[in-house]
Amino acid sequence: ASDAICHALQLINHLQDVGEDYRFRDRIYLPQAWLRDAGIGETVLAGQRSPAALREKIYTPWLDEIARLLTQGERLAPTLQSLRLRMEITVIHRWAVALTEALRSSDP
C-alpha cells in the first residue's frame, strides 16, 4: 500500500509538469511508444493546451492508473499504529486523490 501511494504521487508529479518539463527542461517523461500509439509527436508538449489525442490516449489512462494505485493505498493508514503517521498518510492520500481529480477535470 505504501509503494502504491508513493508511485501514484510520483506519477502525479510528472503528469502535472509534462508541458513545463518539455518547454523549460527539455525532458519527456512519457514513453515514446505512448506518443506513437496516440499518433502524436513530442512537439505537442510545447503547446499551452493539450490536444484531444494526448488527453484521451495518454492522460486519461495515466490518471486511471493513478486512481488504481491510490485505491490500493487506501488500506495503508488503518494499519499504522502511530496516530500521527496514520493522520499524515490519510492527509497525503486525500490530497493525492484530490489532485488526481483536479488533473482529470483540467488540462495538465
N, C-alpha and C. Protein backbone atom coordinates (compact mmCIF):
# COMPACT_ATOMS: atom_id res chain seq x y z
N ALA A 1 0.83 -1.20 0.00
CA ALA A 1 0.00 0.00 0.00
C ALA A 1 0.87 1.26 0.00
N SER A 2 1.96 1.20 0.74
CA SER A 2 2.88 2.34 0.78
C SER A 2 3.50 2.58 -0.58
N ASP A 3 3.94 1.52 -1.23
CA ASP A 3 4.52 1.64 -2.57
C ASP A 3 3.51 2.21 -3.56
N ALA A 4 2.26 1.80 -3.44
CA ALA A 4 1.22 2.28 -4.35
C ALA A 4 1.02 3.79 -4.19
N ILE A 5 0.99 4.27 -2.95
CA ILE A 5 0.83 5.71 -2.73
C ILE A 5 2.05 6.46 -3.26
N CYS A 6 3.24 5.98 -2.98
CA CYS A 6 4.46 6.64 -3.45
C CYS A 6 4.52 6.67 -4.97
N HIS A 7 4.16 5.57 -5.60
CA HIS A 7 4.16 5.51 -7.06
C HIS A 7 3.14 6.49 -7.62
N ALA A 8 1.96 6.52 -7.05
CA ALA A 8 0.92 7.44 -7.51
C ALA A 8 1.37 8.89 -7.39
N LEU A 9 2.01 9.23 -6.28
CA LEU A 9 2.50 10.60 -6.08
C LEU A 9 3.54 10.98 -7.13
N GLN A 10 4.40 10.04 -7.46
CA GLN A 10 5.42 10.30 -8.48
C GLN A 10 4.77 10.51 -9.85
N LEU A 11 3.79 9.69 -10.17
CA LEU A 11 3.08 9.84 -11.44
C LEU A 11 2.34 11.17 -11.52
N ILE A 12 1.71 11.57 -10.41
CA ILE A 12 1.02 12.86 -10.35
C ILE A 12 2.03 13.98 -10.61
N ASN A 13 3.16 13.91 -9.96
CA ASN A 13 4.18 14.94 -10.11
C ASN A 13 4.62 15.07 -11.57
N HIS A 14 4.86 13.95 -12.22
CA HIS A 14 5.28 14.01 -13.62
C HIS A 14 4.15 14.51 -14.52
N LEU A 15 2.94 14.07 -14.28
CA LEU A 15 1.83 14.46 -15.12
C LEU A 15 1.55 15.96 -15.04
N GLN A 16 1.58 16.51 -13.84
CA GLN A 16 1.24 17.92 -13.73
C GLN A 16 2.33 18.83 -14.30
N ASP A 17 3.51 18.28 -14.57
CA ASP A 17 4.61 19.07 -15.11
C ASP A 17 5.01 18.69 -16.53
N VAL A 18 4.17 17.93 -17.25
CA VAL A 18 4.54 17.44 -18.57
C VAL A 18 4.96 18.58 -19.50
N GLY A 19 4.12 19.58 -19.64
CA GLY A 19 4.42 20.70 -20.54
C GLY A 19 5.62 21.51 -20.09
N GLU A 20 5.64 21.84 -18.82
CA GLU A 20 6.75 22.64 -18.27
C GLU A 20 8.08 21.90 -18.41
N ASP A 21 8.07 20.61 -18.12
CA ASP A 21 9.31 19.83 -18.24
C ASP A 21 9.81 19.82 -19.68
N TYR A 22 8.90 19.75 -20.63
CA TYR A 22 9.31 19.75 -22.03
C TYR A 22 9.82 21.14 -22.45
N ARG A 23 9.04 22.17 -22.14
CA ARG A 23 9.38 23.52 -22.58
C ARG A 23 10.64 24.07 -21.93
N PHE A 24 10.80 23.86 -20.64
CA PHE A 24 11.88 24.52 -19.91
C PHE A 24 13.05 23.63 -19.52
N ARG A 25 12.85 22.33 -19.54
CA ARG A 25 13.91 21.42 -19.10
C ARG A 25 14.31 20.40 -20.16
N ASP A 26 13.62 20.44 -21.30
CA ASP A 26 13.87 19.50 -22.39
C ASP A 26 13.80 18.05 -21.90
N ARG A 27 12.82 17.78 -21.05
CA ARG A 27 12.60 16.43 -20.51
C ARG A 27 11.23 15.92 -20.94
N ILE A 28 11.18 14.65 -21.23
CA ILE A 28 9.91 14.00 -21.56
C ILE A 28 9.83 12.73 -20.72
N TYR A 29 8.83 12.68 -19.87
CA TYR A 29 8.64 11.50 -19.04
C TYR A 29 7.62 10.53 -19.63
N LEU A 30 7.09 10.87 -20.79
CA LEU A 30 6.15 9.99 -21.47
C LEU A 30 6.93 9.02 -22.35
N PRO A 31 6.61 7.76 -22.29
CA PRO A 31 7.27 6.82 -23.21
C PRO A 31 6.97 7.20 -24.67
N GLN A 32 7.99 7.16 -25.51
CA GLN A 32 7.82 7.48 -26.93
C GLN A 32 6.76 6.59 -27.56
N ALA A 33 6.68 5.35 -27.11
CA ALA A 33 5.67 4.42 -27.65
C ALA A 33 4.26 4.94 -27.39
N TRP A 34 4.03 5.57 -26.25
CA TRP A 34 2.71 6.13 -25.95
C TRP A 34 2.36 7.22 -26.97
N LEU A 35 3.34 8.09 -27.23
CA LEU A 35 3.10 9.17 -28.17
C LEU A 35 2.84 8.60 -29.58
N ARG A 36 3.63 7.63 -29.99
CA ARG A 36 3.43 7.00 -31.30
C ARG A 36 2.06 6.35 -31.38
N ASP A 37 1.69 5.61 -30.33
CA ASP A 37 0.39 4.93 -30.33
C ASP A 37 -0.77 5.92 -30.38
N ALA A 38 -0.56 7.11 -29.81
CA ALA A 38 -1.60 8.14 -29.83
C ALA A 38 -1.59 8.91 -31.15
N GLY A 39 -0.56 8.67 -31.97
CA GLY A 39 -0.46 9.34 -33.26
C GLY A 39 -0.04 10.79 -33.15
N ILE A 40 0.72 11.11 -32.13
CA ILE A 40 1.16 12.50 -31.93
C ILE A 40 2.68 12.54 -31.71
N GLY A 41 3.25 13.67 -32.01
CA GLY A 41 4.68 13.87 -31.79
C GLY A 41 4.94 14.60 -30.50
N GLU A 42 6.16 14.55 -30.04
CA GLU A 42 6.50 15.18 -28.76
C GLU A 42 6.34 16.70 -28.78
N THR A 43 6.34 17.31 -29.95
CA THR A 43 6.24 18.77 -30.01
C THR A 43 4.88 19.28 -29.50
N VAL A 44 3.88 18.41 -29.42
CA VAL A 44 2.59 18.87 -28.87
C VAL A 44 2.75 19.28 -27.41
N LEU A 45 3.80 18.78 -26.76
CA LEU A 45 4.02 19.12 -25.35
C LEU A 45 4.45 20.58 -25.18
N ALA A 46 4.85 21.22 -26.27
CA ALA A 46 5.27 22.62 -26.20
C ALA A 46 4.08 23.57 -26.14
N GLY A 47 2.91 23.10 -26.53
CA GLY A 47 1.73 23.95 -26.57
C GLY A 47 1.20 24.31 -25.19
N GLN A 48 0.38 25.32 -25.17
CA GLN A 48 -0.25 25.74 -23.91
C GLN A 48 -1.48 24.91 -23.58
N ARG A 49 -2.03 24.22 -24.58
CA ARG A 49 -3.20 23.36 -24.38
C ARG A 49 -2.88 21.98 -24.93
N SER A 50 -3.38 20.98 -24.28
CA SER A 50 -3.17 19.60 -24.73
C SER A 50 -4.20 19.24 -25.79
N PRO A 51 -3.76 18.67 -26.91
CA PRO A 51 -4.72 18.22 -27.91
C PRO A 51 -5.54 17.05 -27.37
N ALA A 52 -6.70 16.86 -27.96
CA ALA A 52 -7.62 15.80 -27.50
C ALA A 52 -6.95 14.43 -27.50
N ALA A 53 -6.15 14.14 -28.52
CA ALA A 53 -5.50 12.82 -28.59
C ALA A 53 -4.58 12.59 -27.40
N LEU A 54 -3.87 13.61 -27.00
CA LEU A 54 -2.97 13.49 -25.84
C LEU A 54 -3.77 13.23 -24.57
N ARG A 55 -4.85 13.95 -24.41
CA ARG A 55 -5.68 13.77 -23.22
C ARG A 55 -6.36 12.41 -23.20
N GLU A 56 -6.94 12.01 -24.33
CA GLU A 56 -7.71 10.76 -24.39
C GLU A 56 -6.83 9.52 -24.38
N LYS A 57 -5.74 9.56 -25.12
CA LYS A 57 -4.90 8.37 -25.29
C LYS A 57 -3.82 8.21 -24.23
N ILE A 58 -3.43 9.32 -23.61
CA ILE A 58 -2.33 9.23 -22.63
C ILE A 58 -2.77 9.69 -21.25
N TYR A 59 -3.29 10.90 -21.13
CA TYR A 59 -3.61 11.42 -19.80
C TYR A 59 -4.71 10.62 -19.09
N THR A 60 -5.77 10.27 -19.81
CA THR A 60 -6.87 9.54 -19.17
C THR A 60 -6.41 8.17 -18.65
N PRO A 61 -5.71 7.35 -19.46
CA PRO A 61 -5.23 6.07 -18.91
C PRO A 61 -4.23 6.26 -17.77
N TRP A 62 -3.42 7.30 -17.87
CA TRP A 62 -2.44 7.60 -16.82
C TRP A 62 -3.18 7.92 -15.52
N LEU A 63 -4.20 8.75 -15.61
CA LEU A 63 -4.99 9.10 -14.43
C LEU A 63 -5.75 7.89 -13.90
N ASP A 64 -6.20 7.02 -14.78
CA ASP A 64 -6.86 5.79 -14.33
C ASP A 64 -5.89 4.92 -13.53
N GLU A 65 -4.64 4.85 -13.99
CA GLU A 65 -3.63 4.07 -13.26
C GLU A 65 -3.33 4.71 -11.90
N ILE A 66 -3.25 6.01 -11.87
CA ILE A 66 -3.02 6.70 -10.59
C ILE A 66 -4.17 6.40 -9.63
N ALA A 67 -5.40 6.48 -10.11
CA ALA A 67 -6.58 6.18 -9.28
C ALA A 67 -6.53 4.75 -8.76
N ARG A 68 -6.11 3.83 -9.62
CA ARG A 68 -6.00 2.42 -9.20
C ARG A 68 -4.96 2.28 -8.08
N LEU A 69 -3.84 2.94 -8.24
CA LEU A 69 -2.80 2.88 -7.21
C LEU A 69 -3.28 3.50 -5.90
N LEU A 70 -3.99 4.60 -6.00
CA LEU A 70 -4.50 5.24 -4.78
C LEU A 70 -5.55 4.38 -4.09
N THR A 71 -6.32 3.63 -4.86
CA THR A 71 -7.26 2.69 -4.26
C THR A 71 -6.51 1.61 -3.49
N GLN A 72 -5.42 1.12 -4.06
CA GLN A 72 -4.58 0.15 -3.35
C GLN A 72 -4.01 0.75 -2.07
N GLY A 73 -3.65 2.02 -2.13
CA GLY A 73 -3.03 2.68 -0.99
C GLY A 73 -3.97 3.02 0.14
N GLU A 74 -5.28 2.97 -0.10
CA GLU A 74 -6.27 3.29 0.93
C GLU A 74 -6.10 2.45 2.19
N ARG A 75 -5.63 1.25 2.03
CA ARG A 75 -5.55 0.33 3.17
C ARG A 75 -4.36 0.60 4.09
N LEU A 76 -3.47 1.51 3.70
CA LEU A 76 -2.26 1.73 4.49
C LEU A 76 -2.55 2.39 5.85
N ALA A 77 -3.20 3.53 5.84
CA ALA A 77 -3.37 4.30 7.07
C ALA A 77 -3.97 3.49 8.22
N PRO A 78 -5.03 2.72 8.01
CA PRO A 78 -5.61 1.97 9.13
C PRO A 78 -4.68 0.92 9.74
N THR A 79 -3.64 0.55 9.02
CA THR A 79 -2.73 -0.48 9.54
C THR A 79 -1.62 0.09 10.40
N LEU A 80 -1.49 1.41 10.44
CA LEU A 80 -0.39 2.04 11.17
C LEU A 80 -0.73 2.24 12.63
N GLN A 81 0.21 1.91 13.51
CA GLN A 81 -0.02 2.06 14.94
C GLN A 81 0.09 3.50 15.40
N SER A 82 0.98 4.25 14.81
CA SER A 82 1.20 5.65 15.20
C SER A 82 0.05 6.52 14.70
N LEU A 83 -0.63 7.18 15.63
CA LEU A 83 -1.73 8.07 15.27
C LEU A 83 -1.23 9.20 14.37
N ARG A 84 -0.10 9.76 14.72
CA ARG A 84 0.47 10.86 13.94
C ARG A 84 0.77 10.43 12.50
N LEU A 85 1.37 9.29 12.33
CA LEU A 85 1.68 8.78 11.00
C LEU A 85 0.39 8.41 10.25
N ARG A 86 -0.56 7.83 10.95
CA ARG A 86 -1.85 7.49 10.35
C ARG A 86 -2.53 8.75 9.80
N MET A 87 -2.49 9.82 10.59
CA MET A 87 -3.10 11.08 10.17
C MET A 87 -2.35 11.68 8.97
N GLU A 88 -1.03 11.62 9.01
CA GLU A 88 -0.24 12.17 7.92
C GLU A 88 -0.50 11.42 6.61
N ILE A 89 -0.51 10.11 6.66
CA ILE A 89 -0.77 9.30 5.46
C ILE A 89 -2.19 9.55 4.95
N THR A 90 -3.14 9.70 5.84
CA THR A 90 -4.52 9.98 5.43
C THR A 90 -4.59 11.30 4.68
N VAL A 91 -3.93 12.32 5.19
CA VAL A 91 -3.93 13.63 4.52
C VAL A 91 -3.23 13.54 3.16
N ILE A 92 -2.09 12.89 3.11
CA ILE A 92 -1.37 12.75 1.85
C ILE A 92 -2.22 12.00 0.83
N HIS A 93 -2.86 10.93 1.27
CA HIS A 93 -3.71 10.15 0.37
C HIS A 93 -4.88 10.98 -0.15
N ARG A 94 -5.56 11.69 0.73
CA ARG A 94 -6.69 12.52 0.31
C ARG A 94 -6.24 13.63 -0.63
N TRP A 95 -5.08 14.20 -0.36
CA TRP A 95 -4.53 15.24 -1.22
C TRP A 95 -4.24 14.66 -2.61
N ALA A 96 -3.68 13.47 -2.67
CA ALA A 96 -3.38 12.83 -3.95
C ALA A 96 -4.65 12.53 -4.73
N VAL A 97 -5.69 12.08 -4.04
CA VAL A 97 -6.97 11.82 -4.71
C VAL A 97 -7.53 13.13 -5.27
N ALA A 98 -7.47 14.20 -4.49
CA ALA A 98 -7.98 15.50 -4.95
C ALA A 98 -7.17 16.02 -6.14
N LEU A 99 -5.86 15.87 -6.11
CA LEU A 99 -5.02 16.28 -7.24
C LEU A 99 -5.36 15.48 -8.49
N THR A 100 -5.58 14.20 -8.33
CA THR A 100 -5.91 13.34 -9.46
C THR A 100 -7.22 13.80 -10.10
N GLU A 101 -8.21 14.10 -9.30
CA GLU A 101 -9.49 14.57 -9.82
C GLU A 101 -9.35 15.94 -10.47
N ALA A 102 -8.52 16.80 -9.89
CA ALA A 102 -8.29 18.13 -10.49
C ALA A 102 -7.61 17.99 -11.85
N LEU A 103 -6.63 17.09 -11.95
CA LEU A 103 -5.96 16.87 -13.23
C LEU A 103 -6.90 16.26 -14.24
N ARG A 104 -7.81 15.43 -13.79
CA ARG A 104 -8.77 14.78 -14.69
C ARG A 104 -9.74 15.81 -15.27
N SER A 105 -10.09 16.81 -14.50
CA SER A 105 -11.08 17.79 -14.94
C SER A 105 -10.46 19.04 -15.58
N SER A 106 -9.13 19.07 -15.65
CA SER A 106 -8.46 20.22 -16.26
C SER A 106 -7.45 19.73 -17.29
N ASP A 107 -6.62 20.63 -17.75
CA ASP A 107 -5.59 20.29 -18.73
C ASP A 107 -4.24 20.32 -18.03
N PRO A 108 -3.67 19.14 -17.76
CA PRO A 108 -2.37 19.13 -17.07
C PRO A 108 -1.32 19.96 -17.80
